[in-house]
Each structure stands twice: as C-alpha cells, then as structure tokens.
Protein backbone atom coordinates (compact mmCIF):
# COMPACT_ATOMS: atom_id res chain seq x y z
CA MET A 1 3.02 61.04 -90.35
CA MET A 2 -0.13 59.74 -92.03
CA ASN A 3 -2.55 62.57 -92.79
CA ILE A 4 -6.19 61.99 -91.88
CA THR A 5 -8.40 61.29 -94.89
CA LYS A 6 -10.95 63.81 -96.11
CA ALA A 7 -14.29 62.15 -95.33
CA VAL A 8 -13.14 60.82 -91.95
CA ALA A 9 -11.91 64.29 -90.96
CA HIS A 10 -15.22 65.93 -91.93
CA LEU A 11 -17.26 63.29 -90.10
CA ILE A 12 -15.22 63.65 -86.90
CA ILE A 13 -15.53 67.46 -87.02
CA ALA A 14 -19.30 67.24 -87.62
CA ASN A 15 -19.84 64.77 -84.78
CA VAL A 16 -17.77 66.76 -82.30
CA LEU A 17 -19.44 70.02 -83.33
CA PHE A 18 -22.98 68.67 -82.90
CA PHE A 19 -22.03 67.04 -79.60
CA LEU A 20 -20.77 70.38 -78.25
CA LEU A 21 -23.83 72.22 -79.55
CA ALA A 22 -26.12 69.71 -77.85
CA GLN A 23 -24.45 70.48 -74.50
CA PHE A 24 -25.53 74.12 -74.78
CA ILE A 25 -28.79 73.60 -76.67
CA PRO A 26 -30.62 70.62 -75.07
CA MET A 27 -33.47 71.00 -77.56
CA LEU A 28 -31.09 69.90 -80.33
CA GLN A 29 -30.68 66.49 -78.69
CA ASP A 30 -34.46 66.18 -78.24
CA LYS A 31 -35.16 66.95 -81.89
CA ALA A 32 -32.31 64.97 -83.42
CA ALA A 33 -32.43 61.76 -81.34
CA LEU A 34 -34.28 58.86 -82.95
CA TYR A 35 -37.61 58.24 -81.18
CA TYR A 36 -39.80 55.17 -81.49
CA ILE A 37 -41.84 55.51 -84.69
CA GLU A 38 -45.23 55.49 -82.90
CA ASN A 39 -44.09 58.19 -80.48
CA PRO A 40 -45.58 61.66 -81.19
CA ASN A 41 -42.04 63.06 -80.91
CA PHE A 42 -40.81 60.97 -83.85
CA HIS A 43 -39.84 62.84 -87.04
CA TRP A 44 -38.60 61.34 -90.29
CA TRP A 45 -35.25 63.20 -90.25
CA GLN A 46 -34.26 61.52 -86.97
CA VAL A 47 -33.31 58.36 -88.91
CA PHE A 48 -30.39 60.44 -90.21
CA SER A 49 -29.80 63.06 -87.51
CA HIS A 50 -29.35 60.55 -84.67
CA LEU A 51 -25.98 59.62 -86.23
CA PHE A 52 -24.52 62.94 -85.00
CA MET A 53 -25.88 62.81 -81.45
CA HIS A 54 -24.02 61.08 -78.61
CA ALA A 55 -24.95 60.36 -75.03
CA SER A 56 -21.61 61.09 -73.33
CA VAL A 57 -17.97 62.01 -73.84
CA ALA A 58 -16.96 58.35 -73.67
CA HIS A 59 -19.61 57.47 -76.26
CA ILE A 60 -18.36 59.95 -78.86
CA PHE A 61 -14.68 59.35 -78.04
CA PHE A 62 -14.75 55.61 -78.72
CA ASN A 63 -16.90 56.04 -81.83
CA MET A 64 -14.60 58.69 -83.29
CA PHE A 65 -11.50 56.70 -82.34
CA ALA A 66 -12.83 53.67 -84.23
CA LEU A 67 -13.81 55.90 -87.16
CA TRP A 68 -10.26 57.26 -87.31
CA MET A 69 -8.59 53.89 -86.77
CA PHE A 70 -10.51 51.82 -89.33
CA GLY A 71 -12.25 54.46 -91.44
CA MET A 72 -9.07 55.99 -92.85
CA VAL A 73 -7.96 52.68 -94.35
CA VAL A 74 -11.42 51.92 -95.80
CA GLU A 75 -11.66 55.42 -97.28
CA GLN A 76 -8.30 54.96 -99.01
CA VAL A 77 -9.75 51.90 -100.72
CA TRP A 78 -13.09 53.39 -101.75
CA GLY A 79 -12.44 57.10 -101.94
CA PRO A 80 -14.32 59.77 -99.96
CA ARG A 81 -17.60 59.69 -101.90
CA ARG A 82 -18.21 55.95 -101.71
CA PHE A 83 -17.01 55.87 -98.10
CA LEU A 84 -19.38 58.67 -97.07
CA PHE A 85 -22.27 57.01 -98.93
CA TYR A 86 -21.54 53.73 -97.15
CA TYR A 87 -21.31 55.43 -93.75
CA ILE A 88 -24.64 57.25 -94.11
CA ILE A 89 -26.60 54.37 -95.68
CA CYS A 90 -25.39 51.92 -93.02
CA GLY A 91 -26.15 54.44 -90.26
CA ILE A 92 -29.68 54.93 -91.58
CA GLY A 93 -30.09 51.17 -91.95
CA ALA A 94 -28.98 50.71 -88.35
CA GLY A 95 -31.67 53.18 -87.23
CA ILE A 96 -34.33 51.33 -89.22
CA PHE A 97 -33.29 48.01 -87.67
CA GLN A 98 -33.56 49.56 -84.22
CA GLU A 99 -37.03 50.94 -85.03
CA ALA A 100 -38.16 47.51 -86.23
CA ALA A 101 -36.84 45.89 -83.05
CA GLN A 102 -38.64 48.43 -80.87
CA PHE A 103 -41.85 47.97 -82.84
CA CYS A 104 -41.75 44.19 -82.29
CA SER A 105 -40.95 44.64 -78.61
CA PHE A 106 -43.76 47.14 -78.12
CA TYR A 107 -46.25 44.97 -80.00
CA LEU A 108 -45.39 41.85 -77.97
CA THR A 109 -45.51 43.75 -74.68
CA VAL A 110 -48.91 45.31 -75.37
CA SER A 111 -50.44 42.11 -76.78
CA SER A 112 -49.38 40.18 -73.69
CA HIS A 113 -51.27 42.63 -71.43
CA ILE A 114 -54.33 43.28 -73.61
CA PRO A 115 -55.93 40.00 -74.83
CA SER A 116 -58.25 41.64 -77.39
CA PHE A 117 -55.51 43.89 -78.76
CA THR A 118 -55.29 44.58 -82.51
CA ILE A 119 -52.41 46.19 -84.39
CA GLY A 120 -54.66 49.09 -85.40
CA GLN A 121 -54.76 50.19 -81.77
CA LEU A 122 -51.00 50.69 -81.59
CA PRO A 123 -50.94 54.43 -82.44
CA GLN A 124 -53.55 55.24 -79.78
CA ILE A 125 -51.80 53.15 -77.11
CA ALA A 126 -48.43 54.63 -78.07
CA TYR A 127 -49.84 58.13 -77.66
CA GLN A 128 -51.12 57.28 -74.18
CA LEU A 129 -47.76 55.78 -73.24
CA SER A 130 -45.64 58.51 -74.87
CA PRO A 131 -43.95 59.55 -71.56
CA MET A 132 -42.65 55.99 -71.22
CA LEU A 133 -41.74 55.75 -74.90
CA ASN A 134 -39.64 58.91 -74.62
CA ASN A 135 -37.04 56.66 -72.99
CA TRP A 136 -36.85 54.66 -76.22
CA THR A 137 -34.45 56.98 -78.00
CA THR A 138 -31.44 56.04 -80.08
CA VAL A 139 -28.37 58.25 -80.49
CA GLY A 140 -24.88 57.76 -81.83
CA ALA A 141 -22.93 56.72 -84.91
CA SER A 142 -22.27 53.22 -83.58
CA GLY A 143 -24.32 51.50 -86.30
CA ALA A 144 -22.22 53.17 -89.01
CA ILE A 145 -19.00 52.49 -87.05
CA TYR A 146 -19.78 48.77 -86.81
CA ALA A 147 -20.41 48.79 -90.56
CA ILE A 148 -16.95 50.31 -91.11
CA LEU A 149 -15.46 47.64 -88.87
CA LEU A 150 -17.16 45.03 -91.04
CA ALA A 151 -15.84 46.70 -94.21
CA PHE A 152 -12.31 46.61 -92.82
CA GLY A 153 -12.68 42.91 -92.04
CA MET A 154 -14.00 42.14 -95.52
CA LEU A 155 -11.37 44.21 -97.33
CA PHE A 156 -8.42 43.01 -95.25
CA PRO A 157 -9.57 39.72 -93.71
CA ASN A 158 -6.08 38.43 -92.94
CA GLU A 159 -4.61 41.65 -91.56
CA ARG A 160 -3.52 41.00 -87.97
CA LEU A 161 -4.65 43.34 -85.21
CA PHE A 162 -3.53 43.77 -81.62
CA ILE A 163 -6.66 44.32 -79.55
CA ILE A 164 -6.45 45.01 -75.82
CA PRO A 165 -6.75 42.89 -73.67
CA ILE A 166 -6.13 39.99 -76.12
CA PRO A 167 -2.38 39.23 -75.76
CA ILE A 168 -1.91 37.85 -79.29
CA PRO A 169 -2.59 39.31 -82.76
CA ILE A 170 -5.91 38.32 -84.28
CA LYS A 171 -6.96 38.36 -87.92
CA ALA A 172 -9.43 41.09 -88.84
CA LYS A 173 -12.06 38.62 -90.08
CA PHE A 174 -12.11 36.82 -86.72
CA PHE A 175 -12.15 40.13 -84.86
CA VAL A 176 -15.27 41.18 -86.77
CA MET A 177 -16.95 37.82 -86.15
CA ILE A 178 -16.26 38.07 -82.41
CA TYR A 179 -17.70 41.57 -82.19
CA ALA A 180 -20.78 40.60 -84.21
CA GLY A 181 -21.30 37.55 -81.99
CA ILE A 182 -21.07 39.68 -78.84
CA GLN A 183 -23.67 42.09 -80.20
CA LEU A 184 -26.01 39.23 -81.11
CA VAL A 185 -25.73 37.66 -77.65
CA MET A 186 -26.31 41.03 -75.97
CA ALA A 187 -29.29 41.77 -78.24
CA LEU A 188 -30.94 38.46 -77.31
CA SER A 189 -30.20 38.94 -73.64
CA THR A 190 -33.17 39.81 -71.43
CA THR A 191 -31.15 42.36 -69.45
CA SER A 192 -31.36 45.93 -70.73
CA ASP A 193 -28.10 47.88 -70.76
CA ASN A 194 -29.44 50.89 -72.73
CA VAL A 195 -27.26 49.97 -75.71
CA ALA A 196 -28.80 49.58 -79.18
CA HIS A 197 -27.17 46.23 -80.00
CA LEU A 198 -29.61 45.54 -82.84
CA ALA A 199 -28.66 48.88 -84.40
CA HIS A 200 -25.03 47.75 -84.37
CA LEU A 201 -25.98 44.47 -86.03
CA GLY A 202 -28.25 46.32 -88.45
CA GLY A 203 -25.40 48.53 -89.60
CA MET A 204 -23.22 45.47 -90.18
CA ILE A 205 -25.97 43.65 -92.10
CA VAL A 206 -26.63 46.61 -94.40
CA GLY A 207 -22.89 47.02 -94.91
CA PHE A 208 -22.45 43.33 -95.74
CA PHE A 209 -25.04 43.38 -98.51
CA LEU A 210 -23.80 46.71 -99.84
CA ILE A 211 -20.23 45.40 -100.14
CA ARG A 212 -21.48 42.20 -101.75
CA TYR A 213 -23.41 44.26 -104.29
CA TRP A 214 -20.34 46.39 -105.10
CA ARG A 215 -18.23 43.26 -105.56
CA ARG A 216 -20.72 41.81 -108.02
CA HIS A 217 -21.09 45.15 -109.84
CA PRO A 218 -17.56 46.60 -109.75
CA GLY A 219 -17.23 50.27 -110.59
CA GLY A 220 -14.91 53.14 -109.91
CA GLY A 221 -13.49 54.14 -106.58
CA ASN A 222 -12.35 50.73 -105.37
CA ASN A 223 -8.59 50.47 -104.90
CA ALA A 224 -7.47 47.82 -102.45
CA LEU A 225 -3.85 48.71 -103.13
CA GLN A 226 -4.32 52.13 -101.53
CA GLY A 227 -5.57 50.57 -98.32
CA GLN A 228 -2.73 48.06 -98.21
CA GLN A 229 -0.26 50.93 -98.61
CA PHE A 230 -1.39 52.20 -95.21
CA PHE A 231 0.03 49.09 -93.54
CA ASP A 232 3.08 48.96 -95.80
CA ASN A 233 3.90 52.60 -95.02
CA LEU A 234 3.68 51.96 -91.30
CA LYS A 235 6.02 48.99 -91.61
CA ARG A 236 8.50 50.92 -93.77
CA LYS A 237 8.55 53.87 -91.35
CA TRP A 238 9.10 51.52 -88.43
CA ASP A 239 11.95 49.71 -90.23
CA HIS A 240 13.49 53.03 -91.26
CA ARG A 241 13.37 54.31 -87.70
CA LYS A 242 15.07 51.15 -86.41
CA GLN A 243 17.80 51.52 -89.04
CA GLN A 244 18.41 55.13 -88.02
CA GLN A 245 18.66 54.18 -84.36
CA GLY A 246 21.01 51.29 -85.07
CA GLY A 247 23.14 52.93 -87.80
CA ASN A 248 26.20 55.14 -87.47
CA GLY A 249 24.59 58.10 -89.19
CA ASN A 250 27.26 58.16 -91.93
CA ALA A 251 25.40 56.11 -94.52
CA THR A 252 25.14 57.65 -97.96
CA HIS A 253 21.64 58.02 -99.40
CA VAL A 254 21.38 57.38 -103.12
CA ASN A 255 18.41 58.86 -104.95
CA GLY A 256 16.83 56.41 -107.37
CA ASP A 257 15.99 59.26 -109.77
CA ASP A 258 19.74 60.05 -110.15
CA ASN A 259 20.41 56.47 -111.17
CA VAL A 260 17.63 56.65 -113.75
CA ASN A 261 19.12 59.82 -115.21
CA ARG A 262 22.46 58.06 -115.69
CA GLN A 263 20.87 55.22 -117.64
CA SER A 264 20.60 55.35 -121.39
CA ASP A 265 17.18 56.05 -122.84
CA TRP A 266 17.03 52.54 -124.24
CA GLU A 267 17.86 50.90 -120.91
CA TYR A 268 15.39 53.09 -119.05
CA ASN A 269 12.53 52.37 -121.46
CA ARG A 270 13.28 48.64 -121.47
CA ARG A 271 13.13 48.43 -117.68
CA LYS A 272 10.02 50.57 -117.57
CA GLN A 273 8.26 48.26 -120.05
CA GLU A 274 9.28 45.17 -118.05
CA ASP A 275 8.02 46.75 -114.83
CA GLN A 276 4.70 47.64 -116.47
CA GLU A 277 4.25 44.10 -117.80
CA GLU A 278 4.89 42.72 -114.32
CA VAL A 279 2.38 45.15 -112.79
CA ASP A 280 -0.21 44.17 -115.43
CA ARG A 281 0.34 40.50 -114.58
CA ILE A 282 -0.17 41.20 -110.86
CA LEU A 283 -3.33 43.23 -111.53
CA ASP A 284 -4.73 40.37 -113.63
CA LYS A 285 -4.04 38.04 -110.71
CA ILE A 286 -5.95 40.38 -108.37
CA ARG A 287 -8.95 40.44 -110.72
CA LYS A 288 -9.01 36.64 -110.92
CA SER A 289 -8.09 35.59 -107.37
CA GLY A 290 -8.28 38.71 -105.17
CA TYR A 291 -5.64 40.79 -103.43
CA ASP A 292 -4.98 38.21 -100.71
CA SER A 293 -3.64 35.78 -103.33
CA LEU A 294 -0.57 37.98 -103.90
CA SER A 295 2.78 37.08 -102.43
CA ALA A 296 4.71 39.50 -100.25
CA ASP A 297 7.05 40.29 -103.16
CA GLU A 298 4.12 41.02 -105.50
CA LYS A 299 2.57 43.36 -102.93
CA ARG A 300 5.91 45.13 -102.59
CA ARG A 301 6.23 45.58 -106.36
CA LEU A 302 2.72 47.00 -106.60
CA PHE A 303 3.46 49.41 -103.79
CA GLU A 304 6.70 50.60 -105.40
CA SER A 305 4.97 51.00 -108.76
CA SER A 306 2.19 53.14 -107.23
CA LYS A 307 4.81 55.47 -105.72
CA LYS A 308 6.35 56.06 -109.15
CA ASN A 309 3.01 56.92 -110.82
C-alpha cells in the first residue's frame, strides 16, 4: 500500500484540526477567514489563514481528497519543501486574486450609484457598508488545490485519468484545461453561487508562472521519475494481483540478489557498468527532450534502476 507523503499528511491533519476547532470556537472562523481588504474586520494574516478554514464538511472533504489524490504524486516529484512552498504561495496568490476581484466589483458598484464618486472615498464607504461586506469572506484551500491540479497536469500531461461521470479516460492536460475553463465561465457569470472562482483561477495562474520559473531555473528537488513511479507501482501491483489470482500458487520465486551473488565479480561489474551507461543515456534524453519523450521500455529501465539504488 502506498504510504501518504509527508507534506500532504501534515496539510490534511492541519486542515482537519482547524476545521474541528472552528466548530467549537466560532471566533476562530471570524478571525481567520479572508475579509474584503476595505472591511474593518480585514487583517493581513487572513491572506494565509483562510487556507485552513472551510465552510462545510463537503467543502473540506473534496479539497482534502484532491490534495491526497494529486498532491502525493506532485510531492514525490518536488519533495516536501518545494511542494509546501508551492502550496502556500499559490494559496496566498489565490487570496490576493480574490481580493483584487472584490475590489474591482466594489469600485464598479459604488461608482455606478454615486456619480461624483472618487477612489479616495472607498475606505469611508466601505466602513459604512461593513455589515454588507462581512458577507464577502473567502475560506478554503481550493486556490492551492487547483494549483496542485495544474502542477499535476504540467508534470504528467499525457497521464490518463478516469473522472466520473466521463465514461472514457482523459489526459491530465485536457482535464486541467476543462476545469480552468469551467472556473473562467463561472467567474464571468452574473449569477453568484458563493464560490470564489477567481481565487481558483488565481491559484492556477500563480502556479503556472512558478512552475515555468522553476523549469527555466532548474535546481534541486525536482525528480519526475519519482512521480512516474507512483503510476508504475500501481500497475505492477495490479498485474501481480492478477497473476496471483490466475496462478496455481506453486510458482517458484527467484530472488534477483541470489542470481547476482552467483555471478563472477567481473560479470557483475560489467553488467553494472552497462546498466549505468544506459541510465545515463536515458537521463540525457530527459534533459534534452523531457520525460514524455521516453519509450515504455526506457521508463521501465529507469524505474528498475531507481529500485536498485
């Protein structure tokens, strides 16, 4: 069974813990939710704290499910530190996008009702309308979750996903485009559904530019092979289970290490050198053309090599 990755586990625990605390301490939700910037109840820390507040059980369940489903694979590629940095920065960026959208909406609404209105009057008008503006609060990790969804689509664009109710598998890159398109249409819609669609788009936009920056300035903590192993492991376990169910149970298992021990030192070292040269060739191909340019056999050899190291 695949163990949950470190950063994803800590984020899920933190979100669930704060959600439960907010049920018993209503003031926590009031202080941590992100208010409109001109609202007297706005505080600077809310740009960060709103990521750990959720409006309902369904809200936190689907966010945490998506975090577990896609976040584990992304974290295996980047490592916990880069993954956590990405999650927080995109979540904060989503909050800023939402604040900007609310500012524009408030400005246009007020200017349409007050002909002689100037932008300098906004704070005073916002103070007078603070009871109404208290409804303009943003909670939830959805902006960061949509950014993780984008990261998955950019890291594994051709990985096929089964998404209910779509009856056929769909490539991750198209799945991300569809979701982004839905959010854009909903954000431009005149009907209010109390969902921060622009925050979702904001998280994806920040994530897109952050990933582009990392690709142009490659550093440590970026291992696409680790993420691909997640899918390869699932396939191997599934194939192994089918073999066990269809076999007679009398098959003899041969340990590869025993075979290596029976080889001469010269033969072992020769094969090891050949394997290393092949791995180096595949890694050079990844650097030049990307992971998706590898054949199925090359991916398999990389996977087997990583298990030996």
